[in-house]
Every structure is written in C-alpha cells, then in structure tokens.
PDB file of N, CA and C in Angstrom:
ATOM      1  N   MET A   1       0.330  -8.125  -5.836  1.00  0.00           N
ATOM      2  CA  MET A   1      -0.280  -9.446  -5.939  1.00  0.00           C
ATOM      3  C   MET A   1      -0.824  -9.859  -4.573  1.00  0.00           C
ATOM      4  N   ILE A   2      -2.004 -10.391  -4.591  1.00  0.00           N
ATOM      5  CA  ILE A   2      -2.589 -10.914  -3.363  1.00  0.00           C
ATOM      6  C   ILE A   2      -2.251 -12.404  -3.286  1.00  0.00           C
ATOM      7  N   PRO A   3      -1.581 -12.817  -2.220  1.00  0.00           N
ATOM      8  CA  PRO A   3      -1.228 -14.241  -2.079  1.00  0.00           C
ATOM      9  C   PRO A   3      -2.474 -15.108  -1.949  1.00  0.00           C
ATOM     10  N   PRO A   4      -2.351 -16.394  -2.285  1.00  0.00           N
ATOM     11  CA  PRO A   4      -3.498 -17.300  -2.112  1.00  0.00           C
ATOM     12  C   PRO A   4      -3.817 -17.496  -0.630  1.00  0.00           C
ATOM     13  N   ARG A   5      -5.017 -17.962  -0.374  1.00  0.00           N
ATOM     14  CA  ARG A   5      -5.433 -18.257   1.007  1.00  0.00           C
ATOM     15  C   ARG A   5      -4.653 -19.457   1.533  1.00  0.00           C
ATOM     16  N   ILE A   6      -4.472 -19.464   2.827  1.00  0.00           N
ATOM     17  CA  ILE A   6      -3.762 -20.569   3.476  1.00  0.00           C
ATOM     18  C   ILE A   6      -4.769 -21.643   3.870  1.00  0.00           C
ATOM     19  N   LYS A   7      -4.446 -22.861   3.518  1.00  0.00           N
ATOM     20  CA  LYS A   7      -5.293 -24.009   3.839  1.00  0.00           C
ATOM     21  C   LYS A   7      -4.965 -24.549   5.227  1.00  0.00           C
ATOM     22  N   LYS A   8      -3.647 -24.735   5.497  1.00  0.00           N
ATOM     23  CA  LYS A   8      -3.209 -25.218   6.812  1.00  0.00           C
ATOM     24  C   LYS A   8      -1.741 -24.893   7.005  1.00  0.00           C
ATOM     25  N   ILE A   9      -1.330 -24.954   8.272  1.00  0.00           N
ATOM     26  CA  ILE A   9       0.083 -24.737   8.598  1.00  0.00           C
ATOM     27  C   ILE A   9       0.561 -25.863   9.505  1.00  0.00           C
ATOM     28  N   GLU A  10       1.865 -26.058   9.499  1.00  0.00           N
ATOM     29  CA  GLU A  10       2.492 -27.024  10.396  1.00  0.00           C
ATOM     30  C   GLU A  10       3.773 -26.395  10.928  1.00  0.00           C
ATOM     31  N   ILE A  11       3.892 -26.331  12.250  1.00  0.00           N
ATOM     32  CA  ILE A  11       5.066 -25.758  12.879  1.00  0.00           C
ATOM     33  C   ILE A  11       6.206 -26.768  12.817  1.00  0.00           C
ATOM     34  N   LYS A  12       7.337 -26.329  12.317  1.00  0.00           N
ATOM     35  CA  LYS A  12       8.525 -27.174  12.210  1.00  0.00           C
ATOM     36  C   LYS A  12       9.570 -26.713  13.231  1.00  0.00           C
ATOM     37  N   ASN A  13      10.721 -27.334  13.220  1.00  0.00           N
ATOM     38  CA  ASN A  13      11.823 -26.936  14.109  1.00  0.00           C
ATOM     39  C   ASN A  13      12.410 -25.598  13.693  1.00  0.00           C
ATOM     40  N   ASN A  14      13.120 -24.966  14.613  1.00  0.00           N
ATOM     41  CA  ASN A  14      13.864 -23.730  14.337  1.00  0.00           C
ATOM     42  C   ASN A  14      12.987 -22.598  13.816  1.00  0.00           C
ATOM     43  N   TYR A  15      11.785 -22.491  14.339  1.00  0.00           N
ATOM     44  CA  TYR A  15      10.865 -21.395  14.001  1.00  0.00           C
ATOM     45  C   TYR A  15      10.476 -21.368  12.528  1.00  0.00           C
ATOM     46  N   CYS A  16      10.417 -22.517  11.921  1.00  0.00           N
ATOM     47  CA  CYS A  16       9.954 -22.629  10.544  1.00  0.00           C
ATOM     48  C   CYS A  16       8.500 -23.079  10.532  1.00  0.00           C
ATOM     49  N   ILE A  17       7.780 -22.592   9.538  1.00  0.00           N
ATOM     50  CA  ILE A  17       6.365 -22.927   9.391  1.00  0.00           C
ATOM     51  C   ILE A  17       6.145 -23.445   7.978  1.00  0.00           C
ATOM     52  N   GLU A  18       5.592 -24.647   7.873  1.00  0.00           N
ATOM     53  CA  GLU A  18       5.218 -25.192   6.579  1.00  0.00           C
ATOM     54  C   GLU A  18       3.800 -24.723   6.289  1.00  0.00           C
ATOM     55  N   ILE A  19       3.628 -24.098   5.149  1.00  0.00           N
ATOM     56  CA  ILE A  19       2.342 -23.508   4.788  1.00  0.00           C
ATOM     57  C   ILE A  19       1.795 -24.204   3.558  1.00  0.00           C
ATOM     58  N   SER A  20       0.560 -24.699   3.669  1.00  0.00           N
ATOM     59  CA  SER A  20      -0.136 -25.278   2.520  1.00  0.00           C
ATOM     60  C   SER A  20      -1.184 -24.276   2.058  1.00  0.00           C
ATOM     61  N   TYR A  21      -1.078 -23.867   0.811  1.00  0.00           N
ATOM     62  CA  TYR A  21      -2.015 -22.904   0.230  1.00  0.00           C
ATOM     63  C   TYR A  21      -3.117 -23.626  -0.537  1.00  0.00           C
ATOM     64  N   VAL A  22      -4.246 -22.956  -0.721  1.00  0.00           N
ATOM     65  CA  VAL A  22      -5.379 -23.567  -1.417  1.00  0.00           C
ATOM     66  C   VAL A  22      -5.082 -23.845  -2.889  1.00  0.00           C
ATOM     67  N   ASN A  23      -4.060 -23.193  -3.448  1.00  0.00           N
ATOM     68  CA  ASN A  23      -3.701 -23.442  -4.842  1.00  0.00           C
ATOM     69  C   ASN A  23      -2.823 -24.684  -5.001  1.00  0.00           C
ATOM     70  N   GLY A  24      -2.564 -25.401  -3.895  1.00  0.00           N
ATOM     71  CA  GLY A  24      -1.776 -26.624  -3.943  1.00  0.00           C
ATOM     72  C   GLY A  24      -0.303 -26.437  -3.614  1.00  0.00           C
ATOM     73  N   GLU A  25       0.151 -25.200  -3.533  1.00  0.00           N
ATOM     74  CA  GLU A  25       1.554 -24.946  -3.195  1.00  0.00           C
ATOM     75  C   GLU A  25       1.826 -25.241  -1.736  1.00  0.00           C
ATOM     76  N   LYS A  26       3.032 -25.732  -1.488  1.00  0.00           N
ATOM     77  CA  LYS A  26       3.539 -25.875  -0.118  1.00  0.00           C
ATOM     78  C   LYS A  26       4.805 -25.052  -0.041  1.00  0.00           C
ATOM     79  N   ARG A  27       4.894 -24.247   1.028  1.00  0.00           N
ATOM     80  CA  ARG A  27       6.049 -23.371   1.196  1.00  0.00           C
ATOM     81  C   ARG A  27       6.541 -23.455   2.624  1.00  0.00           C
ATOM     82  N   LEU A  28       7.805 -23.099   2.804  1.00  0.00           N
ATOM     83  CA  LEU A  28       8.411 -23.097   4.127  1.00  0.00           C
ATOM     84  C   LEU A  28       8.883 -21.681   4.427  1.00  0.00           C
ATOM     85  N   TYR A  29       8.385 -21.136   5.552  1.00  0.00           N
ATOM     86  CA  TYR A  29       8.749 -19.785   5.961  1.00  0.00           C
ATOM     87  C   TYR A  29       9.504 -19.859   7.274  1.00  0.00           C
ATOM     88  N   ASN A  30      10.657 -19.196   7.319  1.00  0.00           N
ATOM     89  CA  ASN A  30      11.477 -19.174   8.526  1.00  0.00           C
ATOM     90  C   ASN A  30      11.208 -17.874   9.283  1.00  0.00           C
ATOM     91  N   MET A  31      10.645 -17.973  10.483  1.00  0.00           N
ATOM     92  CA  MET A  31      10.302 -16.814  11.304  1.00  0.00           C
ATOM     93  C   MET A  31      11.471 -16.318  12.146  1.00  0.00           C
ATOM     94  N   GLU A  32      12.580 -17.035  12.148  1.00  0.00           N
ATOM     95  CA  GLU A  32      13.688 -16.707  13.051  1.00  0.00           C
ATOM     96  C   GLU A  32      14.161 -15.258  12.915  1.00  0.00           C
ATOM     97  N   LYS A  33      14.260 -14.762  11.701  1.00  0.00           N
ATOM     98  CA  LYS A  33      14.727 -13.379  11.494  1.00  0.00           C
ATOM     99  C   LYS A  33      13.750 -12.363  12.087  1.00  0.00           C
ATOM    100  N   ASN A  34      12.478 -12.695  12.144  1.00  0.00           N
ATOM    101  CA  ASN A  34      11.459 -11.792  12.681  1.00  0.00           C
ATOM    102  C   ASN A  34      11.583 -11.632  14.195  1.00  0.00           C
ATOM    103  N   LEU A  35      12.153 -12.614  14.868  1.00  0.00           N
ATOM    104  CA  LEU A  35      12.211 -12.605  16.326  1.00  0.00           C
ATOM    105  C   LEU A  35      13.125 -11.520  16.887  1.00  0.00           C
ATOM    106  N   THR A  36      13.882 -10.856  16.025  1.00  0.00           N
ATOM    107  CA  THR A  36      14.725  -9.745  16.481  1.00  0.00           C
ATOM    108  C   THR A  36      13.894  -8.484  16.727  1.00  0.00           C
ATOM    109  N   PHE A  37      12.671  -8.451  16.215  1.00  0.00           N
ATOM    110  CA  PHE A  37      11.788  -7.300  16.388  1.00  0.00           C
ATOM    111  C   PHE A  37      10.966  -7.453  17.663  1.00  0.00           C
ATOM    112  N   ASP A  38      10.822  -6.367  18.392  1.00  0.00           N
ATOM    113  CA  ASP A  38      10.084  -6.364  19.659  1.00  0.00           C
ATOM    114  C   ASP A  38       8.649  -6.864  19.489  1.00  0.00           C
ATOM    115  N   PHE A  39       8.030  -6.563  18.344  1.00  0.00           N
ATOM    116  CA  PHE A  39       6.652  -6.995  18.061  1.00  0.00           C
ATOM    117  C   PHE A  39       6.487  -8.502  18.203  1.00  0.00           C
ATOM    118  N   TYR A  40       7.541  -9.251  17.912  1.00  0.00           N
ATOM    119  CA  TYR A  40       7.486 -10.716  17.926  1.00  0.00           C
ATOM    120  C   TYR A  40       8.118 -11.341  19.166  1.00  0.00           C
ATOM    121  N   LYS A  41       8.394 -10.565  20.204  1.00  0.00           N
ATOM    122  CA  LYS A  41       9.123 -11.079  21.375  1.00  0.00           C
ATOM    123  C   LYS A  41       8.436 -12.293  22.015  1.00  0.00           C
ATOM    124  N   ASN A  42       7.100 -12.346  22.026  1.00  0.00           N
ATOM    125  CA  ASN A  42       6.389 -13.484  22.619  1.00  0.00           C
ATOM    126  C   ASN A  42       6.615 -14.787  21.850  1.00  0.00           C
ATOM    127  N   LEU A  43       6.936 -14.663  20.572  1.00  0.00           N
ATOM    128  CA  LEU A  43       7.111 -15.840  19.731  1.00  0.00           C
ATOM    129  C   LEU A  43       8.405 -16.585  20.019  1.00  0.00           C
ATOM    130  N   LYS A  44       9.300 -15.981  20.786  1.00  0.00           N
ATOM    131  CA  LYS A  44      10.535 -16.672  21.171  1.00  0.00           C
ATOM    132  C   LYS A  44      10.233 -17.867  22.066  1.00  0.00           C
ATOM    133  N   ASN A  45       9.103 -17.825  22.738  1.00  0.00           N
ATOM    134  CA  ASN A  45       8.640 -18.943  23.550  1.00  0.00           C
ATOM    135  C   ASN A  45       7.990 -19.957  22.601  1.00  0.00           C
ATOM    136  N   MET A  46       8.629 -21.104  22.420  1.00  0.00           N
ATOM    137  CA  MET A  46       8.161 -22.078  21.434  1.00  0.00           C
ATOM    138  C   MET A  46       6.742 -22.567  21.713  1.00  0.00           C
ATOM    139  N   SER A  47       6.361 -22.665  22.981  1.00  0.00           N
ATOM    140  CA  SER A  47       4.984 -23.084  23.306  1.00  0.00           C
ATOM    141  C   SER A  47       3.981 -22.086  22.742  1.00  0.00           C
ATOM    142  N   TYR A  48       4.305 -20.804  22.869  1.00  0.00           N
ATOM    143  CA  TYR A  48       3.436 -19.762  22.326  1.00  0.00           C
ATOM    144  C   TYR A  48       3.509 -19.750  20.800  1.00  0.00           C
ATOM    145  N   PHE A  49       4.705 -19.918  20.258  1.00  0.00           N
ATOM    146  CA  PHE A  49       4.896 -19.938  18.807  1.00  0.00           C
ATOM    147  C   PHE A  49       4.001 -20.991  18.152  1.00  0.00           C
ATOM    148  N   LYS A  50       3.857 -22.118  18.820  1.00  0.00           N
ATOM    149  CA  LYS A  50       3.060 -23.226  18.276  1.00  0.00           C
ATOM    150  C   LYS A  50       1.561 -22.941  18.275  1.00  0.00           C
ATOM    151  N   LEU A  51       1.140 -21.824  18.854  1.00  0.00           N
ATOM    152  CA  LEU A  51      -0.281 -21.452  18.865  1.00  0.00           C
ATOM    153  C   LEU A  51      -0.698 -20.726  17.584  1.00  0.00           C
ATOM    154  N   ALA A  52       0.186 -20.638  16.622  1.00  0.00           N
ATOM    155  CA  ALA A  52      -0.109 -19.965  15.354  1.00  0.00           C
ATOM    156  C   ALA A  52      -1.297 -20.614  14.651  1.00  0.00           C
ATOM    157  N   LYS A  53      -2.102 -19.762  14.021  1.00  0.00           N
ATOM    158  CA  LYS A  53      -3.275 -20.226  13.264  1.00  0.00           C
ATOM    159  C   LYS A  53      -3.312 -19.507  11.918  1.00  0.00           C
ATOM    160  N   PRO A  54      -3.712 -20.222  10.859  1.00  0.00           N
ATOM    161  CA  PRO A  54      -3.876 -19.544   9.567  1.00  0.00           C
ATOM    162  C   PRO A  54      -5.165 -18.718   9.577  1.00  0.00           C
ATOM    163  N   VAL A  55      -5.079 -17.503   9.033  1.00  0.00           N
ATOM    164  CA  VAL A  55      -6.243 -16.630   8.904  1.00  0.00           C
ATOM    165  C   VAL A  55      -6.173 -15.995   7.512  1.00  0.00           C
ATOM    166  N   GLU A  56      -7.060 -16.446   6.630  1.00  0.00           N
ATOM    167  CA  GLU A  56      -7.089 -15.945   5.253  1.00  0.00           C
ATOM    168  C   GLU A  56      -5.753 -16.170   4.542  1.00  0.00           C
ATOM    169  N   THR A  57      -4.968 -15.105   4.379  1.00  0.00           N
ATOM    170  CA  THR A  57      -3.700 -15.191   3.634  1.00  0.00           C
ATOM    171  C   THR A  57      -2.477 -15.028   4.531  1.00  0.00           C
ATOM    172  N   THR A  58      -2.697 -15.080   5.858  1.00  0.00           N
ATOM    173  CA  THR A  58      -1.584 -14.886   6.778  1.00  0.00           C
ATOM    174  C   THR A  58      -1.662 -15.853   7.950  1.00  0.00           C
ATOM    175  N   ILE A  59      -0.763 -15.646   8.906  1.00  0.00           N
ATOM    176  CA  ILE A  59      -0.715 -16.447  10.131  1.00  0.00           C
ATOM    177  C   ILE A  59      -0.799 -15.476  11.298  1.00  0.00           C
ATOM    178  N   GLU A  60      -1.583 -15.845  12.311  1.00  0.00           N
ATOM    179  CA  GLU A  60      -1.736 -14.989  13.484  1.00  0.00           C
ATOM    180  C   GLU A  60      -1.530 -15.789  14.761  1.00  0.00           C
ATOM    181  N   TRP A  61      -1.153 -15.066  15.826  1.00  0.00           N
ATOM    182  CA  TRP A  61      -1.006 -15.631  17.159  1.00  0.00           C
ATOM    183  C   TRP A  61      -2.023 -14.977  18.086  1.00  0.00           C
ATOM    184  N   PRO A  62      -2.307 -15.590  19.241  1.00  0.00           N
ATOM    185  CA  PRO A  62      -3.376 -15.118  20.127  1.00  0.00           C
ATOM    186  C   PRO A  62      -3.299 -13.658  20.575  1.00  0.00           C
ATOM    187  N   GLN A  63      -2.109 -13.105  20.701  1.00  0.00           N
ATOM    188  CA  GLN A  63      -2.004 -11.723  21.179  1.00  0.00           C
ATOM    189  C   GLN A  63      -1.878 -10.711  20.045  1.00  0.00           C
ATOM    190  N   GLY A  64      -2.241 -11.126  18.840  1.00  0.00           N
ATOM    191  CA  GLY A  64      -2.304 -10.208  17.709  1.00  0.00           C
ATOM    192  C   GLY A  64      -1.102 -10.166  16.796  1.00  0.00           C
ATOM    193  N   GLU A  65      -0.063 -10.913  17.095  1.00  0.00           N
ATOM    194  CA  GLU A  65       1.086 -10.959  16.199  1.00  0.00           C
ATOM    195  C   GLU A  65       0.650 -11.606  14.883  1.00  0.00           C
ATOM    196  N   ASP A  66       1.163 -11.090  13.789  1.00  0.00           N
ATOM    197  CA  ASP A  66       0.884 -11.678  12.484  1.00  0.00           C
ATOM    198  C   ASP A  66       2.047 -11.372  11.549  1.00  0.00           C
ATOM    199  N   VAL A  67       1.966 -11.904  10.352  1.00  0.00           N
ATOM    200  CA  VAL A  67       3.005 -11.684   9.346  1.00  0.00           C
ATOM    201  C   VAL A  67       2.313 -11.130   8.108  1.00  0.00           C
ATOM    202  N   ASP A  68       2.892 -10.102   7.529  1.00  0.00           N
ATOM    203  CA  ASP A  68       2.346  -9.542   6.302  1.00  0.00           C
ATOM    204  C   ASP A  68       2.189 -10.667   5.268  1.00  0.00           C
ATOM    205  N   PRO A  69       1.015 -10.795   4.650  1.00  0.00           N
ATOM    206  CA  PRO A  69       0.791 -11.888   3.689  1.00  0.00           C
ATOM    207  C   PRO A  69       1.806 -11.932   2.552  1.00  0.00           C
ATOM    208  N   ASN A  70       2.193 -10.764   2.039  1.00  0.00           N
ATOM    209  CA  ASN A  70       3.180 -10.748   0.948  1.00  0.00           C
ATOM    210  C   ASN A  70       4.553 -11.186   1.431  1.00  0.00           C
ATOM    211  N   GLU A  71       4.942 -10.768   2.626  1.00  0.00           N
ATOM    212  CA  GLU A  71       6.210 -11.210   3.230  1.00  0.00           C
ATOM    213  C   GLU A  71       6.207 -12.728   3.364  1.00  0.00           C
ATOM    214  N   LEU A  72       5.114 -13.245   3.873  1.00  0.00           N
ATOM    215  CA  LEU A  72       4.981 -14.678   4.109  1.00  0.00           C
ATOM    216  C   LEU A  72       5.110 -15.473   2.813  1.00  0.00           C
ATOM    217  N   TYR A  73       4.442 -15.021   1.784  1.00  0.00           N
ATOM    218  CA  TYR A  73       4.418 -15.752   0.515  1.00  0.00           C
ATOM    219  C   TYR A  73       5.713 -15.559  -0.275  1.00  0.00           C
ATOM    220  N   GLU A  74       6.125 -14.308  -0.419  1.00  0.00           N
ATOM    221  CA  GLU A  74       7.274 -14.010  -1.291  1.00  0.00           C
ATOM    222  C   GLU A  74       8.615 -14.419  -0.687  1.00  0.00           C
ATOM    223  N   ASN A  75       8.693 -14.499   0.629  1.00  0.00           N
ATOM    224  CA  ASN A  75       9.973 -14.840   1.261  1.00  0.00           C
ATOM    225  C   ASN A  75       9.962 -16.247   1.871  1.00  0.00           C
ATOM    226  N   SER A  76       9.078 -17.067   1.354  1.00  0.00           N
ATOM    227  CA  SER A  76       9.081 -18.471   1.746  1.00  0.00           C
ATOM    228  C   SER A  76       9.655 -19.298   0.603  1.00  0.00           C
ATOM    229  N   ILE A  77      10.079 -20.484   0.931  1.00  0.00           N
ATOM    230  CA  ILE A  77      10.701 -21.375  -0.055  1.00  0.00           C
ATOM    231  C   ILE A  77       9.691 -22.416  -0.507  1.00  0.00           C
ATOM    232  N   VAL A  78       9.546 -22.565  -1.802  1.00  0.00           N
ATOM    233  CA  VAL A  78       8.640 -23.576  -2.345  1.00  0.00           C
ATOM    234  C   VAL A  78       9.209 -24.955  -2.036  1.00  0.00           C
ATOM    235  N   ILE A  79       8.394 -25.815  -1.424  1.00  0.00           N
ATOM    236  CA  ILE A  79       8.862 -27.179  -1.136  1.00  0.00           C
ATOM    237  C   ILE A  79       8.046 -28.226  -1.883  1.00  0.00           C
ATOM    238  N   GLU A  80       6.959 -27.805  -2.508  1.00  0.00           N
ATOM    239  CA  GLU A  80       6.155 -28.741  -3.309  1.00  0.00           C
ATOM    240  C   GLU A  80       5.404 -28.014  -4.371  1.00  0.00           C
TER     241      GLU A  80
END
C-alpha cells in the first residue's frame, strides 16, 4: 500500500511528529526509537530535528535523513 501524501507536520515533544495527511487523517509518529540508529544521530539535536519537512509521503531532514513512508504511516497512531 502506498501511504497518502503528507499535507503538513508539526514537531511535538519527545521526538514525536504530528502528521496531517491529504486524506484528512492525523497521526502521531514517535521517532525516539529511530535515534538508536547511526543514520539518525543528527536528529538527537532537537534544533536539527525541528528542521523536518514533509516531502510527498515521507519526512526528510536537510542532510538526507528520512523515514520510510510505510514505516511512518503504519507505525503511527491515529489521533483524528
């Protein structure tokens, strides 16, 4: 399944990201577990973490970090 496109994101506390999808869904994804991987080491810096931008069906950071779209959608919690 291809997840819907992301309309906007909002950075929350504790490395959580609120994601609004174009289909009207709102979901909450917790990035904290990802920070154990070397690929995401820059994201431990909250100032850098807040530079996240939605791109199509995923989220990306300036130095190329991103999250698999299916991981993002399927392992987030529906909040609306």
